[in-house]
Amino acid sequence: MPNLASPPAEIWRLYRNRATGENRIKELKYDYALDKINQQSFDATETTLNFIMIAFNLMSLFKQVV
């Protein structure tokens, strides 16, 4: 990957949103067992994923409020 010619503050703004992405993936994988949701059909897997994402979002909102 080539070096960016932008000022450091702009590069930081570009990459700071990506920094939490890996942590969210780890949280979904370990706390919500996202890596173990393989069902027999695509629809069942999609439904399970949607429920997990709803639970994750509700817990995130709860953490912000509390």
Protein backbone atom coordinates (compact mmCIF):
# COMPACT_ATOMS: atom_id res chain seq x y z
CA MET A 1 0.00 0.00 0.00
CA PRO A 2 1.55 3.34 -0.97
CA ASN A 3 1.95 6.13 1.51
CA LEU A 4 -0.82 8.70 1.53
CA ALA A 5 0.20 12.25 0.70
CA SER A 6 -2.47 13.73 2.98
CA PRO A 7 -1.79 15.52 6.25
CA PRO A 8 -1.65 13.23 9.31
CA ALA A 9 -4.93 14.55 10.76
CA GLU A 10 -6.79 13.68 7.56
CA ILE A 11 -5.30 10.19 7.47
CA TRP A 12 -6.31 9.69 11.11
CA ARG A 13 -9.90 10.73 10.32
CA LEU A 14 -9.93 8.30 7.39
CA TYR A 15 -8.82 5.29 9.44
CA ARG A 16 -10.37 5.94 12.87
CA ASN A 17 -13.77 4.54 11.83
CA ARG A 18 -12.11 1.30 10.73
CA ALA A 19 -10.46 0.81 14.12
CA THR A 20 -13.66 -0.22 15.87
CA GLY A 21 -14.77 -2.55 13.08
CA GLU A 22 -12.45 -5.37 14.12
CA ASN A 23 -13.54 -5.04 17.75
CA ARG A 24 -17.21 -5.30 16.74
CA ILE A 25 -16.50 -8.41 14.67
CA LYS A 26 -14.67 -10.00 17.64
CA GLU A 27 -17.54 -9.12 19.97
CA LEU A 28 -20.10 -10.65 17.60
CA LYS A 29 -17.96 -13.74 17.18
CA TYR A 30 -17.15 -14.40 20.83
CA ASP A 31 -20.09 -12.88 22.74
CA TYR A 32 -22.89 -13.65 20.29
CA ALA A 33 -21.49 -16.87 18.70
CA LEU A 34 -21.70 -15.38 15.22
CA ASP A 35 -19.27 -17.96 13.86
CA LYS A 36 -21.57 -20.84 14.88
CA ILE A 37 -24.84 -19.86 13.18
CA ASN A 38 -24.61 -22.11 10.12
CA GLN A 39 -28.07 -23.63 9.71
CA GLN A 40 -29.35 -26.14 7.16
CA SER A 41 -30.82 -23.50 4.86
CA PHE A 42 -29.88 -20.02 3.79
CA ASP A 43 -33.15 -18.55 5.10
CA ALA A 44 -32.61 -20.03 8.56
CA THR A 45 -29.05 -18.72 8.67
CA GLU A 46 -30.19 -15.28 7.55
CA THR A 47 -32.95 -15.21 10.18
CA THR A 48 -30.50 -16.23 12.90
CA LEU A 49 -28.06 -13.54 11.79
CA ASN A 50 -30.83 -10.92 11.86
CA PHE A 51 -31.81 -11.88 15.41
CA ILE A 52 -28.19 -11.74 16.54
CA MET A 53 -27.76 -8.31 14.97
CA ILE A 54 -30.95 -7.06 16.66
CA ALA A 55 -29.67 -8.34 20.00
CA PHE A 56 -26.28 -6.72 19.39
CA ASN A 57 -27.87 -3.39 18.48
CA LEU A 58 -30.19 -3.46 21.50
CA MET A 59 -27.28 -4.21 23.81
CA SER A 60 -25.23 -1.40 22.23
CA LEU A 61 -28.09 1.05 22.78
CA PHE A 62 -28.48 -0.18 26.36
CA LYS A 63 -24.76 0.35 27.02
CA GLN A 64 -24.99 3.90 25.67
CA VAL A 65 -27.98 4.73 27.87
CA VAL A 66 -26.53 3.18 31.00
